[in-house]
mmCIF file of all heavy atoms, coordinates in Angstrom:
data_MODEL
# 
_entry.id   MODEL 
# 
loop_
_atom_site.group_PDB 
_atom_site.id 
_atom_site.type_symbol 
_atom_site.label_atom_id 
_atom_site.label_alt_id 
_atom_site.label_comp_id 
_atom_site.label_asym_id 
_atom_site.label_entity_id 
_atom_site.label_seq_id 
_atom_site.pdbx_PDB_ins_code 
_atom_site.Cartn_x 
_atom_site.Cartn_y 
_atom_site.Cartn_z 
_atom_site.occupancy 
_atom_site.B_iso_or_equiv 
_atom_site.pdbx_formal_charge 
_atom_site.auth_seq_id 
_atom_site.auth_comp_id 
_atom_site.auth_asym_id 
_atom_site.auth_atom_id 
_atom_site.pdbx_PDB_model_num 
ATOM 1   N N   . LEU A 1 1  ? 104.807 98.601  146.274 1.00 0.00 ? 1  LEU A N   1 
ATOM 2   C CA  . LEU A 1 1  ? 104.811 99.784  147.133 1.00 0.00 ? 1  LEU A CA  1 
ATOM 3   C C   . LEU A 1 1  ? 105.520 99.516  148.448 1.00 0.00 ? 1  LEU A C   1 
ATOM 4   O O   . LEU A 1 1  ? 106.311 100.347 148.919 1.00 0.00 ? 1  LEU A O   1 
ATOM 5   C CB  . LEU A 1 1  ? 103.370 100.238 147.394 1.00 0.00 ? 1  LEU A CB  1 
ATOM 6   C CG  . LEU A 1 1  ? 102.595 100.720 146.166 1.00 0.00 ? 1  LEU A CG  1 
ATOM 7   C CD1 . LEU A 1 1  ? 101.157 101.039 146.539 1.00 0.00 ? 1  LEU A CD1 1 
ATOM 8   C CD2 . LEU A 1 1  ? 103.264 101.945 145.536 1.00 0.00 ? 1  LEU A CD2 1 
ATOM 9   N N   . SER A 1 2  ? 105.278 98.342  149.032 1.00 0.00 ? 2  SER A N   1 
ATOM 10  C CA  . SER A 1 2  ? 105.906 98.029  150.315 1.00 0.00 ? 2  SER A CA  1 
ATOM 11  C C   . SER A 1 2  ? 107.399 97.748  150.178 1.00 0.00 ? 2  SER A C   1 
ATOM 12  O O   . SER A 1 2  ? 108.141 97.849  151.157 1.00 0.00 ? 2  SER A O   1 
ATOM 13  C CB  . SER A 1 2  ? 105.206 96.826  150.953 1.00 0.00 ? 2  SER A CB  1 
ATOM 14  O OG  . SER A 1 2  ? 105.321 95.678  150.127 1.00 0.00 ? 2  SER A OG  1 
ATOM 15  N N   . ALA A 1 3  ? 107.851 97.409  148.962 1.00 0.00 ? 3  ALA A N   1 
ATOM 16  C CA  . ALA A 1 3  ? 109.264 97.059  148.756 1.00 0.00 ? 3  ALA A CA  1 
ATOM 17  C C   . ALA A 1 3  ? 110.074 98.191  148.146 1.00 0.00 ? 3  ALA A C   1 
ATOM 18  O O   . ALA A 1 3  ? 111.238 97.984  147.791 1.00 0.00 ? 3  ALA A O   1 
ATOM 19  C CB  . ALA A 1 3  ? 109.363 95.817  147.874 1.00 0.00 ? 3  ALA A CB  1 
ATOM 20  N N   . GLU A 1 4  ? 109.494 99.372  148.032 1.00 0.00 ? 4  GLU A N   1 
ATOM 21  C CA  . GLU A 1 4  ? 110.174 100.458 147.306 1.00 0.00 ? 4  GLU A CA  1 
ATOM 22  C C   . GLU A 1 4  ? 111.570 100.744 147.863 1.00 0.00 ? 4  GLU A C   1 
ATOM 23  O O   . GLU A 1 4  ? 112.520 100.992 147.105 1.00 0.00 ? 4  GLU A O   1 
ATOM 24  C CB  . GLU A 1 4  ? 109.327 101.723 147.334 1.00 0.00 ? 4  GLU A CB  1 
ATOM 25  C CG  . GLU A 1 4  ? 109.940 102.864 146.539 1.00 0.00 ? 4  GLU A CG  1 
ATOM 26  C CD  . GLU A 1 4  ? 109.020 104.075 146.404 1.00 0.00 ? 4  GLU A CD  1 
ATOM 27  O OE1 . GLU A 1 4  ? 107.921 104.055 147.005 1.00 0.00 ? 4  GLU A OE1 1 
ATOM 28  O OE2 . GLU A 1 4  ? 109.409 105.033 145.701 1.00 0.00 ? 4  GLU A OE2 1 
ATOM 29  N N   . LYS A 1 5  ? 111.719 100.704 149.174 1.00 0.00 ? 5  LYS A N   1 
ATOM 30  C CA  . LYS A 1 5  ? 113.014 101.018 149.768 1.00 0.00 ? 5  LYS A CA  1 
ATOM 31  C C   . LYS A 1 5  ? 113.996 99.848  149.678 1.00 0.00 ? 5  LYS A C   1 
ATOM 32  O O   . LYS A 1 5  ? 115.193 100.025 149.939 1.00 0.00 ? 5  LYS A O   1 
ATOM 33  C CB  . LYS A 1 5  ? 112.825 101.429 151.230 1.00 0.00 ? 5  LYS A CB  1 
ATOM 34  C CG  . LYS A 1 5  ? 112.056 102.738 151.396 1.00 0.00 ? 5  LYS A CG  1 
ATOM 35  C CD  . LYS A 1 5  ? 111.942 103.123 152.862 1.00 0.00 ? 5  LYS A CD  1 
ATOM 36  C CE  . LYS A 1 5  ? 111.187 104.429 153.024 1.00 0.00 ? 5  LYS A CE  1 
ATOM 37  N NZ  . LYS A 1 5  ? 111.040 104.822 154.460 1.00 0.00 ? 5  LYS A NZ  1 
ATOM 38  N N   . SER A 1 6  ? 113.490 98.684  149.287 1.00 0.00 ? 6  SER A N   1 
ATOM 39  C CA  . SER A 1 6  ? 114.354 97.492  149.241 1.00 0.00 ? 6  SER A CA  1 
ATOM 40  C C   . SER A 1 6  ? 114.992 97.275  147.880 1.00 0.00 ? 6  SER A C   1 
ATOM 41  O O   . SER A 1 6  ? 116.001 96.557  147.777 1.00 0.00 ? 6  SER A O   1 
ATOM 42  C CB  . SER A 1 6  ? 113.539 96.244  149.616 1.00 0.00 ? 6  SER A CB  1 
ATOM 43  O OG  . SER A 1 6  ? 112.989 96.369  150.904 1.00 0.00 ? 6  SER A OG  1 
ATOM 44  N N   . VAL A 1 7  ? 114.409 97.830  146.830 1.00 0.00 ? 7  VAL A N   1 
ATOM 45  C CA  . VAL A 1 7  ? 114.929 97.578  145.489 1.00 0.00 ? 7  VAL A CA  1 
ATOM 46  C C   . VAL A 1 7  ? 115.980 98.617  145.128 1.00 0.00 ? 7  VAL A C   1 
ATOM 47  O O   . VAL A 1 7  ? 115.995 99.736  145.665 1.00 0.00 ? 7  VAL A O   1 
ATOM 48  C CB  . VAL A 1 7  ? 113.798 97.602  144.435 1.00 0.00 ? 7  VAL A CB  1 
ATOM 49  C CG1 . VAL A 1 7  ? 112.748 96.546  144.744 1.00 0.00 ? 7  VAL A CG1 1 
ATOM 50  C CG2 . VAL A 1 7  ? 113.164 98.983  144.338 1.00 0.00 ? 7  VAL A CG2 1 
ATOM 51  N N   . ASN A 1 8  ? 116.850 98.227  144.209 1.00 0.00 ? 8  ASN A N   1 
ATOM 52  C CA  . ASN A 1 8  ? 117.842 99.162  143.674 1.00 0.00 ? 8  ASN A CA  1 
ATOM 53  C C   . ASN A 1 8  ? 117.162 99.969  142.576 1.00 0.00 ? 8  ASN A C   1 
ATOM 54  O O   . ASN A 1 8  ? 116.825 99.418  141.523 1.00 0.00 ? 8  ASN A O   1 
ATOM 55  C CB  . ASN A 1 8  ? 119.039 98.391  143.111 1.00 0.00 ? 8  ASN A CB  1 
ATOM 56  C CG  . ASN A 1 8  ? 120.120 99.303  142.566 1.00 0.00 ? 8  ASN A CG  1 
ATOM 57  O OD1 . ASN A 1 8  ? 119.905 100.500 142.388 1.00 0.00 ? 8  ASN A OD1 1 
ATOM 58  N ND2 . ASN A 1 8  ? 121.281 98.736  142.289 1.00 0.00 ? 8  ASN A ND2 1 
ATOM 59  N N   . PRO A 1 9  ? 116.930 101.255 142.770 1.00 0.00 ? 9  PRO A N   1 
ATOM 60  C CA  . PRO A 1 9  ? 116.151 102.032 141.800 1.00 0.00 ? 9  PRO A CA  1 
ATOM 61  C C   . PRO A 1 9  ? 116.795 102.137 140.426 1.00 0.00 ? 9  PRO A C   1 
ATOM 62  O O   . PRO A 1 9  ? 116.105 102.377 139.438 1.00 0.00 ? 9  PRO A O   1 
ATOM 63  C CB  . PRO A 1 9  ? 116.036 103.413 142.459 1.00 0.00 ? 9  PRO A CB  1 
ATOM 64  C CG  . PRO A 1 9  ? 117.195 103.488 143.402 1.00 0.00 ? 9  PRO A CG  1 
ATOM 65  C CD  . PRO A 1 9  ? 117.400 102.096 143.905 1.00 0.00 ? 9  PRO A CD  1 
ATOM 66  N N   . SER A 1 10 ? 118.108 101.937 140.349 1.00 0.00 ? 10 SER A N   1 
ATOM 67  C CA  . SER A 1 10 ? 118.794 102.080 139.063 1.00 0.00 ? 10 SER A CA  1 
ATOM 68  C C   . SER A 1 10 ? 118.837 100.782 138.262 1.00 0.00 ? 10 SER A C   1 
ATOM 69  O O   . SER A 1 10 ? 119.347 100.769 137.135 1.00 0.00 ? 10 SER A O   1 
ATOM 70  C CB  . SER A 1 10 ? 120.218 102.595 139.275 1.00 0.00 ? 10 SER A CB  1 
ATOM 71  O OG  . SER A 1 10 ? 120.982 101.663 140.029 1.00 0.00 ? 10 SER A OG  1 
ATOM 72  N N   . THR A 1 11 ? 118.314 99.692  138.809 1.00 0.00 ? 11 THR A N   1 
ATOM 73  C CA  . THR A 1 11 ? 118.295 98.427  138.081 1.00 0.00 ? 11 THR A CA  1 
ATOM 74  C C   . THR A 1 11 ? 117.411 98.552  136.847 1.00 0.00 ? 11 THR A C   1 
ATOM 75  O O   . THR A 1 11 ? 116.293 99.075  136.917 1.00 0.00 ? 11 THR A O   1 
ATOM 76  C CB  . THR A 1 11 ? 117.770 97.284  138.965 1.00 0.00 ? 11 THR A CB  1 
ATOM 77  O OG1 . THR A 1 11 ? 118.621 97.143  140.102 1.00 0.00 ? 11 THR A OG1 1 
ATOM 78  C CG2 . THR A 1 11 ? 117.725 95.968  138.200 1.00 0.00 ? 11 THR A CG2 1 
ATOM 79  N N   . ASN A 1 12 ? 117.902 98.058  135.716 1.00 0.00 ? 12 ASN A N   1 
ATOM 80  C CA  . ASN A 1 12 ? 117.093 98.090  134.489 1.00 0.00 ? 12 ASN A CA  1 
ATOM 81  C C   . ASN A 1 12 ? 115.771 97.363  134.711 1.00 0.00 ? 12 ASN A C   1 
ATOM 82  O O   . ASN A 1 12 ? 115.731 96.319  135.373 1.00 0.00 ? 12 ASN A O   1 
ATOM 83  C CB  . ASN A 1 12 ? 117.830 97.406  133.340 1.00 0.00 ? 12 ASN A CB  1 
ATOM 84  C CG  . ASN A 1 12 ? 118.950 98.241  132.764 1.00 0.00 ? 12 ASN A CG  1 
ATOM 85  O OD1 . ASN A 1 12 ? 119.137 99.396  133.130 1.00 0.00 ? 12 ASN A OD1 1 
ATOM 86  N ND2 . ASN A 1 12 ? 119.718 97.643  131.859 1.00 0.00 ? 12 ASN A ND2 1 
ATOM 87  N N   . LEU A 1 13 ? 114.715 97.889  134.097 1.00 0.00 ? 13 LEU A N   1 
ATOM 88  C CA  . LEU A 1 13 ? 113.422 97.211  134.124 1.00 0.00 ? 13 LEU A CA  1 
ATOM 89  C C   . LEU A 1 13 ? 113.068 96.719  132.714 1.00 0.00 ? 13 LEU A C   1 
ATOM 90  O O   . LEU A 1 13 ? 112.916 95.531  132.479 1.00 0.00 ? 13 LEU A O   1 
ATOM 91  C CB  . LEU A 1 13 ? 112.337 98.144  134.664 1.00 0.00 ? 13 LEU A CB  1 
ATOM 92  C CG  . LEU A 1 13 ? 110.938 97.544  134.848 1.00 0.00 ? 13 LEU A CG  1 
ATOM 93  C CD1 . LEU A 1 13 ? 110.967 96.233  135.601 1.00 0.00 ? 13 LEU A CD1 1 
ATOM 94  C CD2 . LEU A 1 13 ? 110.023 98.552  135.540 1.00 0.00 ? 13 LEU A CD2 1 
ATOM 95  N N   . ASN A 1 14 ? 112.959 97.628  131.753 1.00 0.00 ? 14 ASN A N   1 
ATOM 96  C CA  . ASN A 1 14 ? 112.676 97.279  130.360 1.00 0.00 ? 14 ASN A CA  1 
ATOM 97  C C   . ASN A 1 14 ? 113.748 97.863  129.458 1.00 0.00 ? 14 ASN A C   1 
ATOM 98  O O   . ASN A 1 14 ? 114.481 98.780  129.843 1.00 0.00 ? 14 ASN A O   1 
ATOM 99  C CB  . ASN A 1 14 ? 111.314 97.799  129.923 1.00 0.00 ? 14 ASN A CB  1 
ATOM 100 C CG  . ASN A 1 14 ? 110.147 97.193  130.682 1.00 0.00 ? 14 ASN A CG  1 
ATOM 101 O OD1 . ASN A 1 14 ? 109.081 97.773  130.741 1.00 0.00 ? 14 ASN A OD1 1 
ATOM 102 N ND2 . ASN A 1 14 ? 110.326 96.029  131.287 1.00 0.00 ? 14 ASN A ND2 1 
ATOM 103 N N   . PHE A 1 15 ? 113.852 97.335  128.233 1.00 0.00 ? 15 PHE A N   1 
ATOM 104 C CA  . PHE A 1 15 ? 114.761 97.899  127.242 1.00 0.00 ? 15 PHE A CA  1 
ATOM 105 C C   . PHE A 1 15 ? 114.233 97.614  125.847 1.00 0.00 ? 15 PHE A C   1 
ATOM 106 O O   . PHE A 1 15 ? 113.351 96.773  125.656 1.00 0.00 ? 15 PHE A O   1 
ATOM 107 C CB  . PHE A 1 15 ? 116.189 97.354  127.410 1.00 0.00 ? 15 PHE A CB  1 
ATOM 108 C CG  . PHE A 1 15 ? 116.355 95.884  127.175 1.00 0.00 ? 15 PHE A CG  1 
ATOM 109 C CD1 . PHE A 1 15 ? 116.657 95.380  125.905 1.00 0.00 ? 15 PHE A CD1 1 
ATOM 110 C CD2 . PHE A 1 15 ? 116.252 94.972  128.223 1.00 0.00 ? 15 PHE A CD2 1 
ATOM 111 C CE1 . PHE A 1 15 ? 116.842 94.025  125.689 1.00 0.00 ? 15 PHE A CE1 1 
ATOM 112 C CE2 . PHE A 1 15 ? 116.435 93.614  128.025 1.00 0.00 ? 15 PHE A CE2 1 
ATOM 113 C CZ  . PHE A 1 15 ? 116.729 93.132  126.744 1.00 0.00 ? 15 PHE A CZ  1 
ATOM 114 N N   . VAL A 1 16 ? 114.755 98.349  124.870 1.00 0.00 ? 16 VAL A N   1 
ATOM 115 C CA  . VAL A 1 16 ? 114.357 98.150  123.478 1.00 0.00 ? 16 VAL A CA  1 
ATOM 116 C C   . VAL A 1 16 ? 115.569 97.799  122.634 1.00 0.00 ? 16 VAL A C   1 
ATOM 117 O O   . VAL A 1 16 ? 116.691 98.225  122.918 1.00 0.00 ? 16 VAL A O   1 
ATOM 118 C CB  . VAL A 1 16 ? 113.665 99.400  122.883 1.00 0.00 ? 16 VAL A CB  1 
ATOM 119 C CG1 . VAL A 1 16 ? 112.261 99.549  123.429 1.00 0.00 ? 16 VAL A CG1 1 
ATOM 120 C CG2 . VAL A 1 16 ? 114.469 100.664 123.114 1.00 0.00 ? 16 VAL A CG2 1 
ATOM 121 N N   . THR A 1 17 ? 115.286 96.991  121.595 1.00 0.00 ? 17 THR A N   1 
ATOM 122 C CA  . THR A 1 17 ? 116.342 96.580  120.667 1.00 0.00 ? 17 THR A CA  1 
ATOM 123 C C   . THR A 1 17 ? 115.855 96.765  119.239 1.00 0.00 ? 17 THR A C   1 
ATOM 124 O O   . THR A 1 17 ? 114.664 96.940  118.986 1.00 0.00 ? 17 THR A O   1 
ATOM 125 C CB  . THR A 1 17 ? 116.714 95.094  120.859 1.00 0.00 ? 17 THR A CB  1 
ATOM 126 O OG1 . THR A 1 17 ? 115.667 94.277  120.316 1.00 0.00 ? 17 THR A OG1 1 
ATOM 127 C CG2 . THR A 1 17 ? 116.932 94.751  122.317 1.00 0.00 ? 17 THR A CG2 1 
ATOM 128 N N   . THR A 1 18 ? 116.789 96.688  118.302 1.00 0.00 ? 18 THR A N   1 
ATOM 129 C CA  . THR A 1 18 ? 116.451 96.804  116.881 1.00 0.00 ? 18 THR A CA  1 
ATOM 130 C C   . THR A 1 18 ? 116.035 95.477  116.271 1.00 0.00 ? 18 THR A C   1 
ATOM 131 O O   . THR A 1 18 ? 115.880 95.392  115.051 1.00 0.00 ? 18 THR A O   1 
ATOM 132 C CB  . THR A 1 18 ? 117.660 97.348  116.097 1.00 0.00 ? 18 THR A CB  1 
ATOM 133 O OG1 . THR A 1 18 ? 118.761 96.435  116.239 1.00 0.00 ? 18 THR A OG1 1 
ATOM 134 C CG2 . THR A 1 18 ? 118.075 98.726  116.598 1.00 0.00 ? 18 THR A CG2 1 
ATOM 135 N N   . ASN A 1 19 ? 115.835 94.449  117.071 1.00 0.00 ? 19 ASN A N   1 
ATOM 136 C CA  . ASN A 1 19 ? 115.457 93.136  116.527 1.00 0.00 ? 19 ASN A CA  1 
ATOM 137 C C   . ASN A 1 19 ? 114.149 93.214  115.752 1.00 0.00 ? 19 ASN A C   1 
ATOM 138 O O   . ASN A 1 19 ? 113.199 93.872  116.173 1.00 0.00 ? 19 ASN A O   1 
ATOM 139 C CB  . ASN A 1 19 ? 115.338 92.110  117.646 1.00 0.00 ? 19 ASN A CB  1 
ATOM 140 C CG  . ASN A 1 19 ? 116.676 91.783  118.272 1.00 0.00 ? 19 ASN A CG  1 
ATOM 141 O OD1 . ASN A 1 19 ? 117.109 92.481  119.181 1.00 0.00 ? 19 ASN A OD1 1 
ATOM 142 N ND2 . ASN A 1 19 ? 117.338 90.754  117.786 1.00 0.00 ? 19 ASN A ND2 1 
ATOM 143 N N   . ASP A 1 20 ? 114.115 92.515  114.630 1.00 0.00 ? 20 ASP A N   1 
ATOM 144 C CA  . ASP A 1 20 ? 112.951 92.492  113.751 1.00 0.00 ? 20 ASP A CA  1 
ATOM 145 C C   . ASP A 1 20 ? 111.989 91.428  114.272 1.00 0.00 ? 20 ASP A C   1 
ATOM 146 O O   . ASP A 1 20 ? 112.169 90.233  114.033 1.00 0.00 ? 20 ASP A O   1 
ATOM 147 C CB  . ASP A 1 20 ? 113.410 92.164  112.322 1.00 0.00 ? 20 ASP A CB  1 
ATOM 148 C CG  . ASP A 1 20 ? 112.286 92.239  111.304 1.00 0.00 ? 20 ASP A CG  1 
ATOM 149 O OD1 . ASP A 1 20 ? 111.171 92.642  111.679 1.00 0.00 ? 20 ASP A OD1 1 
ATOM 150 O OD2 . ASP A 1 20 ? 112.527 91.894  110.133 1.00 0.00 ? 20 ASP A OD2 1 
ATOM 151 N N   . ILE A 1 21 ? 110.957 91.863  115.006 1.00 0.00 ? 21 ILE A N   1 
ATOM 152 C CA  . ILE A 1 21 ? 109.979 90.933  115.565 1.00 0.00 ? 21 ILE A CA  1 
ATOM 153 C C   . ILE A 1 21 ? 108.581 91.330  115.102 1.00 0.00 ? 21 ILE A C   1 
ATOM 154 O O   . ILE A 1 21 ? 108.380 92.396  114.516 1.00 0.00 ? 21 ILE A O   1 
ATOM 155 C CB  . ILE A 1 21 ? 110.018 90.901  117.105 1.00 0.00 ? 21 ILE A CB  1 
ATOM 156 C CG1 . ILE A 1 21 ? 109.528 92.250  117.659 1.00 0.00 ? 21 ILE A CG1 1 
ATOM 157 C CG2 . ILE A 1 21 ? 111.401 90.551  117.611 1.00 0.00 ? 21 ILE A CG2 1 
ATOM 158 C CD1 . ILE A 1 21 ? 109.139 92.201  119.112 1.00 0.00 ? 21 ILE A CD1 1 
ATOM 159 N N   . ILE A 1 22 ? 107.616 90.473  115.389 1.00 0.00 ? 22 ILE A N   1 
ATOM 160 C CA  . ILE A 1 22 ? 106.214 90.753  115.060 1.00 0.00 ? 22 ILE A CA  1 
ATOM 161 C C   . ILE A 1 22 ? 105.368 89.906  116.009 1.00 0.00 ? 22 ILE A C   1 
ATOM 162 O O   . ILE A 1 22 ? 105.902 89.104  116.788 1.00 0.00 ? 22 ILE A O   1 
ATOM 163 C CB  . ILE A 1 22 ? 105.925 90.457  113.571 1.00 0.00 ? 22 ILE A CB  1 
ATOM 164 C CG1 . ILE A 1 22 ? 104.732 91.249  113.061 1.00 0.00 ? 22 ILE A CG1 1 
ATOM 165 C CG2 . ILE A 1 22 ? 105.744 88.969  113.347 1.00 0.00 ? 22 ILE A CG2 1 
ATOM 166 C CD1 . ILE A 1 22 ? 104.953 92.745  112.988 1.00 0.00 ? 22 ILE A CD1 1 
ATOM 167 N N   . GLY A 1 23 ? 104.044 90.019  115.945 1.00 0.00 ? 23 GLY A N   1 
ATOM 168 C CA  . GLY A 1 23 ? 103.173 89.220  116.785 1.00 0.00 ? 23 GLY A CA  1 
ATOM 169 C C   . GLY A 1 23 ? 103.512 87.745  116.687 1.00 0.00 ? 23 GLY A C   1 
ATOM 170 O O   . GLY A 1 23 ? 103.649 87.202  115.597 1.00 0.00 ? 23 GLY A O   1 
ATOM 171 N N   . GLY A 1 24 ? 103.643 87.080  117.826 1.00 0.00 ? 24 GLY A N   1 
ATOM 172 C CA  . GLY A 1 24 ? 104.111 85.700  117.869 1.00 0.00 ? 24 GLY A CA  1 
ATOM 173 C C   . GLY A 1 24 ? 105.454 85.609  118.561 1.00 0.00 ? 24 GLY A C   1 
ATOM 174 O O   . GLY A 1 24 ? 105.844 84.548  119.053 1.00 0.00 ? 24 GLY A O   1 
ATOM 175 N N   . ASN A 1 25 ? 106.158 86.746  118.648 1.00 0.00 ? 25 ASN A N   1 
ATOM 176 C CA  . ASN A 1 25 ? 107.451 86.778  119.320 1.00 0.00 ? 25 ASN A CA  1 
ATOM 177 C C   . ASN A 1 25 ? 107.323 87.030  120.818 1.00 0.00 ? 25 ASN A C   1 
ATOM 178 O O   . ASN A 1 25 ? 108.333 86.967  121.534 1.00 0.00 ? 25 ASN A O   1 
ATOM 179 C CB  . ASN A 1 25 ? 108.368 87.842  118.711 1.00 0.00 ? 25 ASN A CB  1 
ATOM 180 C CG  . ASN A 1 25 ? 109.169 87.345  117.537 1.00 0.00 ? 25 ASN A CG  1 
ATOM 181 O OD1 . ASN A 1 25 ? 109.031 87.835  116.418 1.00 0.00 ? 25 ASN A OD1 1 
ATOM 182 N ND2 . ASN A 1 25 ? 110.023 86.366  117.776 1.00 0.00 ? 25 ASN A ND2 1 
ATOM 183 N N   . SER A 1 26 ? 106.144 87.357  121.306 1.00 0.00 ? 26 SER A N   1 
ATOM 184 C CA  . SER A 1 26 ? 105.993 87.565  122.748 1.00 0.00 ? 26 SER A CA  1 
ATOM 185 C C   . SER A 1 26 ? 106.415 86.302  123.489 1.00 0.00 ? 26 SER A C   1 
ATOM 186 O O   . SER A 1 26 ? 105.982 85.205  123.162 1.00 0.00 ? 26 SER A O   1 
ATOM 187 C CB  . SER A 1 26 ? 104.545 87.913  123.081 1.00 0.00 ? 26 SER A CB  1 
ATOM 188 O OG  . SER A 1 26 ? 104.189 89.170  122.555 1.00 0.00 ? 26 SER A OG  1 
# 
């Protein structure tokens, strides 16, 4: 909250891929 004005809002945070994963890949 205190850094909201300091970060670039358009920077990626999360993304999804088609990779075949399952529990254990974390």
